[in-house]
Amino acid sequence: MDISGAGAVVTGGASGLGGATAAHLAALGAKVTIFDLNEDLGQSHAEAIGGTFVKVNVTDEAEVEAGLDAAQAFSDKLRICVNCAGIGPPAKVIDREGKPLPLKDFATIVNVNLLGSFNVLSKFAARIQGSERDGEECGVIVNTASVAAFDGQIGQPAYAASKGGIVGMTLPIAREFARHGIRVMTIAPGLFLTPLLASLPEEAQASLGAQVPFPNRLGDPAEYAKMVEAIVTNPMLNGETVRLDGAIRMAPK
């Protein structure tokens, strides 16, 4: 897939992994539409990279359709979709007072991370199926899981379940979309210097980075963006989850 001239949608594209991906794809010549809930940050980032911004709740079907309308208006050659929108507040199944995790709290995380990713990718694929192919293919979808899908820690049952779901749906969707010439891949990042981790004291950041075997540091969101580039430009990458984690294997807590 040739990135230059392609239309790209990046969810959670105002900052963090999504923000770095939006900027990188734009620098490579893509016409990027950012989906995010943060209007101020999303609008300013879109302007900075020469893209466009749409306020979208990825769990809302109507908002996703409207966002894709805007993306198609911005670029009549939609080809790339990168799902980075997600949440992950920690919570144990049973709290210190012996009370179970409210089902709505568990459901909220799964709804945003898993159902939100499916909501966007399904509607994106429906729009581009049958489009003129760029060589062998007409589109690429990249979802974001996490090493928590494999090494979920205490306090991550909902987050790990949501990311495990993303890993689990990658192959069957890739197989289904093969006839449409649409590839589906997933990246499972380890510890990256996202806004959440950047808000921690430097000592805490260093401690987390020290857990990574090599390179012995937190990942840079730009490195995630480079993996997206590698996936988009390599047509044999399909139906697989790539761990991008410096060989880390998370401890129980």
Protein backbone atom coordinates (compact mmCIF):
# COMPACT_ATOMS: atom_id res chain seq x y z
CA MET A 1 0.00 0.00 0.00
CA ASP A 2 1.35 3.38 -1.02
CA ILE A 3 0.86 5.77 1.91
CA SER A 4 1.40 8.94 -0.11
CA GLY A 5 -1.93 10.22 -1.35
CA ALA A 6 -3.97 7.72 0.66
CA GLY A 7 -6.72 8.76 3.03
CA ALA A 8 -6.21 7.59 6.61
CA VAL A 9 -8.42 7.53 9.70
CA VAL A 10 -6.71 7.41 13.10
CA THR A 11 -8.87 6.99 16.19
CA GLY A 12 -7.47 8.40 19.41
CA GLY A 13 -5.35 10.48 17.06
CA ALA A 14 -5.10 13.62 19.17
CA SER A 15 -2.22 12.36 21.33
CA GLY A 16 -0.17 9.37 22.42
CA LEU A 17 0.21 6.43 20.04
CA GLY A 18 -2.57 7.75 17.83
CA GLY A 19 -1.14 11.24 17.76
CA ALA A 20 2.29 9.97 16.71
CA THR A 21 0.72 7.75 14.06
CA ALA A 22 -1.38 10.58 12.64
CA ALA A 23 1.69 12.81 12.40
CA HIS A 24 3.85 10.09 10.84
CA LEU A 25 1.30 9.12 8.20
CA ALA A 26 0.76 12.78 7.34
CA ALA A 27 4.51 13.28 6.98
CA LEU A 28 4.52 10.35 4.53
CA GLY A 29 1.88 12.05 2.40
CA ALA A 30 -1.38 10.63 3.74
CA LYS A 31 -4.49 12.77 4.15
CA VAL A 32 -5.26 12.08 7.80
CA THR A 33 -8.57 12.39 9.60
CA ILE A 34 -8.31 12.29 13.38
CA PHE A 35 -11.14 10.82 15.46
CA ASP A 36 -10.99 11.82 19.13
CA LEU A 37 -13.11 13.18 21.97
CA ASN A 38 -10.63 15.93 22.90
CA GLU A 39 -11.71 18.76 20.60
CA ASP A 40 -9.02 21.28 21.52
CA LEU A 41 -6.12 18.86 21.27
CA GLY A 42 -7.55 17.06 18.25
CA GLN A 43 -8.17 20.24 16.29
CA SER A 44 -4.75 21.71 17.03
CA HIS A 45 -2.95 18.46 16.16
CA ALA A 46 -4.90 18.12 12.92
CA GLU A 47 -3.99 21.65 11.93
CA ALA A 48 -0.34 21.04 12.78
CA ILE A 49 -0.10 17.98 10.50
CA GLY A 50 -2.29 19.27 7.70
CA GLY A 51 -5.11 16.89 8.49
CA THR A 52 -8.68 17.26 9.67
CA PHE A 53 -10.42 16.52 12.97
CA VAL A 54 -13.81 15.08 13.84
CA LYS A 55 -15.11 14.64 17.37
CA VAL A 56 -16.11 10.98 17.49
CA ASN A 57 -17.12 8.60 20.25
CA VAL A 58 -16.00 5.28 18.77
CA THR A 59 -18.80 3.42 20.56
CA ASP A 60 -21.47 5.52 18.84
CA GLU A 61 -22.51 4.14 15.44
CA ALA A 62 -23.96 7.41 14.15
CA GLU A 63 -20.89 9.41 15.17
CA VAL A 64 -18.56 6.93 13.47
CA GLU A 65 -20.60 7.08 10.26
CA ALA A 66 -20.54 10.88 10.37
CA GLY A 67 -16.80 10.83 11.00
CA LEU A 68 -16.24 8.57 8.01
CA ASP A 69 -18.39 10.90 5.91
CA ALA A 70 -16.02 13.71 6.86
CA ALA A 71 -12.97 11.55 6.17
CA GLN A 72 -14.27 10.72 2.69
CA ALA A 73 -14.99 14.38 2.05
CA PHE A 74 -11.39 15.17 3.02
CA SER A 75 -9.96 12.32 0.94
CA ASP A 76 -11.80 10.41 -1.76
CA LYS A 77 -9.22 7.62 -1.48
CA LEU A 78 -9.71 6.15 1.99
CA ARG A 79 -7.28 3.27 2.39
CA ILE A 80 -5.87 3.19 5.94
CA CYS A 81 -7.57 2.82 9.34
CA VAL A 82 -5.62 2.77 12.61
CA ASN A 83 -7.55 2.16 15.83
CA CYS A 84 -5.73 3.68 18.81
CA ALA A 85 -8.68 4.94 20.89
CA GLY A 86 -8.83 3.21 24.24
CA ILE A 87 -9.11 3.49 28.00
CA GLY A 88 -7.72 1.39 30.83
CA PRO A 89 -8.41 2.49 34.41
CA PRO A 90 -7.21 -0.29 36.75
CA ALA A 91 -9.67 -2.12 38.99
CA LYS A 92 -9.56 -5.46 40.78
CA VAL A 93 -12.39 -7.96 40.53
CA ILE A 94 -12.83 -7.74 44.32
CA ASP A 95 -11.88 -4.48 46.06
CA ARG A 96 -10.33 -4.01 49.50
CA GLU A 97 -13.76 -3.96 51.09
CA GLY A 98 -14.66 -7.28 49.50
CA LYS A 99 -17.05 -5.79 46.97
CA PRO A 100 -17.09 -7.07 43.36
CA LEU A 101 -16.23 -4.81 40.45
CA PRO A 102 -19.46 -3.23 39.16
CA LEU A 103 -20.39 -4.81 35.86
CA LYS A 104 -20.84 -1.41 34.23
CA ASP A 105 -17.20 -0.52 34.96
CA PHE A 106 -16.00 -3.72 33.32
CA ALA A 107 -18.38 -3.21 30.40
CA THR A 108 -17.26 0.39 29.82
CA ILE A 109 -13.66 -0.63 29.16
CA VAL A 110 -14.64 -3.53 26.91
CA ASN A 111 -17.13 -1.31 25.09
CA VAL A 112 -14.57 1.39 24.26
CA ASN A 113 -11.56 -0.79 23.52
CA LEU A 114 -13.08 -3.82 21.81
CA LEU A 115 -16.52 -2.81 20.56
CA GLY A 116 -15.24 0.64 19.62
CA SER A 117 -12.46 -0.83 17.49
CA PHE A 118 -14.92 -3.21 15.82
CA ASN A 119 -17.42 -0.41 15.25
CA VAL A 120 -14.87 1.70 13.38
CA LEU A 121 -13.17 -1.09 11.41
CA SER A 122 -16.43 -2.66 10.25
CA LYS A 123 -17.86 0.62 8.99
CA PHE A 124 -14.54 1.61 7.43
CA ALA A 125 -14.26 -1.72 5.60
CA ALA A 126 -17.85 -1.51 4.37
CA ARG A 127 -17.03 1.84 2.79
CA ILE A 128 -13.85 0.87 1.01
CA GLN A 129 -14.79 -2.63 -0.19
CA GLY A 130 -14.93 -2.61 -3.94
CA SER A 131 -12.67 0.43 -4.20
CA GLU A 132 -10.02 0.58 -6.87
CA ARG A 133 -7.06 -1.44 -5.67
CA ASP A 134 -3.59 -0.10 -5.03
CA GLY A 135 -1.74 -3.03 -6.59
CA GLU A 136 -3.08 -6.13 -4.84
CA GLU A 137 -5.09 -4.40 -2.13
CA CYS A 138 -7.57 -1.65 -1.45
CA GLY A 139 -7.11 -1.11 2.28
CA VAL A 140 -5.28 -1.82 5.53
CA ILE A 141 -6.70 -1.85 9.06
CA VAL A 142 -4.41 -1.76 12.10
CA ASN A 143 -5.84 -2.32 15.57
CA THR A 144 -4.16 -1.71 18.91
CA ALA A 145 -4.08 -4.45 21.53
CA SER A 146 -1.53 -4.60 24.37
CA VAL A 147 0.86 -7.03 25.98
CA ALA A 148 -1.87 -7.20 28.64
CA ALA A 149 -3.72 -9.45 26.19
CA PHE A 150 -1.07 -12.07 26.99
CA ASP A 151 0.43 -10.95 30.34
CA GLY A 152 -2.51 -9.26 32.05
CA GLN A 153 -1.67 -8.05 35.54
CA ILE A 154 -3.69 -7.94 38.74
CA GLY A 155 -6.11 -5.05 38.41
CA GLN A 156 -6.40 -5.42 34.63
CA PRO A 157 -9.20 -7.96 34.09
CA ALA A 158 -11.34 -5.66 31.95
CA TYR A 159 -8.42 -4.12 30.07
CA ALA A 160 -6.80 -7.51 29.39
CA ALA A 161 -10.14 -8.97 28.28
CA SER A 162 -10.74 -6.08 25.87
CA LYS A 163 -7.27 -6.35 24.36
CA GLY A 164 -7.46 -10.13 24.21
CA GLY A 165 -10.66 -9.72 22.23
CA ILE A 166 -8.89 -7.52 19.72
CA VAL A 167 -6.18 -10.16 19.28
CA GLY A 168 -8.81 -12.88 18.94
CA MET A 169 -10.80 -11.15 16.20
CA THR A 170 -7.76 -10.25 14.07
CA LEU A 171 -7.40 -13.50 12.13
CA PRO A 172 -11.08 -14.23 11.42
CA ILE A 173 -11.66 -10.69 10.18
CA ALA A 174 -8.50 -10.81 8.05
CA ARG A 175 -9.73 -14.06 6.51
CA GLU A 176 -13.16 -12.59 5.80
CA PHE A 177 -11.76 -9.38 4.30
CA ALA A 178 -9.25 -11.20 2.09
CA ARG A 179 -11.72 -11.35 -0.78
CA HIS A 180 -12.10 -7.58 -0.56
CA GLY A 181 -8.35 -6.98 -0.67
CA ILE A 182 -8.34 -5.51 2.84
CA ARG A 183 -5.64 -6.55 5.32
CA VAL A 184 -6.15 -6.59 9.10
CA MET A 185 -3.30 -6.46 11.59
CA THR A 186 -2.90 -5.81 15.30
CA ILE A 187 -0.06 -4.25 17.26
CA ALA A 188 0.35 -5.19 20.93
CA PRO A 189 2.50 -2.45 22.52
CA GLY A 190 4.33 -2.85 25.79
CA LEU A 191 5.23 0.09 28.04
CA PHE A 192 5.17 3.28 25.99
CA LEU A 193 5.63 6.91 26.99
CA THR A 194 2.03 7.93 26.41
CA PRO A 195 0.50 11.01 28.11
CA LEU A 196 -0.60 8.82 31.03
CA LEU A 197 2.93 7.60 31.76
CA ALA A 198 4.44 11.00 30.92
CA SER A 199 2.43 12.47 33.81
CA LEU A 200 4.31 10.25 36.27
CA PRO A 201 7.45 11.48 38.07
CA GLU A 202 10.70 10.81 36.20
CA GLU A 203 11.71 8.30 38.89
CA ALA A 204 8.54 6.29 38.26
CA GLN A 205 9.07 6.45 34.50
CA ALA A 206 12.64 5.19 34.90
CA SER A 207 11.44 2.36 37.12
CA LEU A 208 8.91 1.22 34.53
CA GLY A 209 11.43 1.53 31.71
CA ALA A 210 13.90 -0.59 33.65
CA GLN A 211 11.49 -3.53 33.36
CA VAL A 212 12.00 -3.65 29.59
CA PRO A 213 14.87 -6.03 28.68
CA PHE A 214 16.02 -4.17 25.56
CA PRO A 215 15.95 -1.38 24.77
CA ASN A 216 15.96 -0.73 28.50
CA ARG A 217 13.46 2.14 28.45
CA LEU A 218 9.88 3.09 27.72
CA GLY A 219 8.83 2.92 24.10
CA ASP A 220 8.52 6.09 22.05
CA PRO A 221 5.11 6.56 20.36
CA ALA A 222 7.07 7.33 17.17
CA GLU A 223 8.23 3.70 17.23
CA TYR A 224 4.62 2.55 17.24
CA ALA A 225 3.98 4.83 14.27
CA LYS A 226 6.90 3.28 12.41
CA MET A 227 5.39 -0.17 12.97
CA VAL A 228 2.14 1.08 11.44
CA GLU A 229 4.16 2.26 8.42
CA ALA A 230 5.85 -1.15 8.14
CA ILE A 231 2.49 -2.93 8.23
CA VAL A 232 0.86 -0.65 5.68
CA THR A 233 3.74 -0.94 3.21
CA ASN A 234 4.27 -4.73 3.51
CA PRO A 235 1.42 -6.66 1.84
CA MET A 236 2.40 -10.00 3.39
CA LEU A 237 1.64 -8.76 6.89
CA ASN A 238 -1.92 -9.91 7.47
CA GLY A 239 -4.02 -11.58 10.17
CA GLU A 240 -1.32 -11.37 12.83
CA THR A 241 -0.61 -9.63 16.14
CA VAL A 242 2.87 -8.13 16.53
CA ARG A 243 4.22 -7.56 20.03
CA LEU A 244 6.07 -4.25 20.15
CA ASP A 245 7.47 -4.48 23.64
CA GLY A 246 11.27 -4.80 23.87
CA ALA A 247 10.84 -8.46 24.99
CA ILE A 248 9.03 -7.55 28.19
CA ARG A 249 6.90 -10.16 29.94
CA MET A 250 4.74 -8.51 32.56
CA ALA A 251 4.86 -9.72 36.18
CA PRO A 252 1.60 -10.48 38.05
CA LYS A 253 1.60 -6.93 39.47
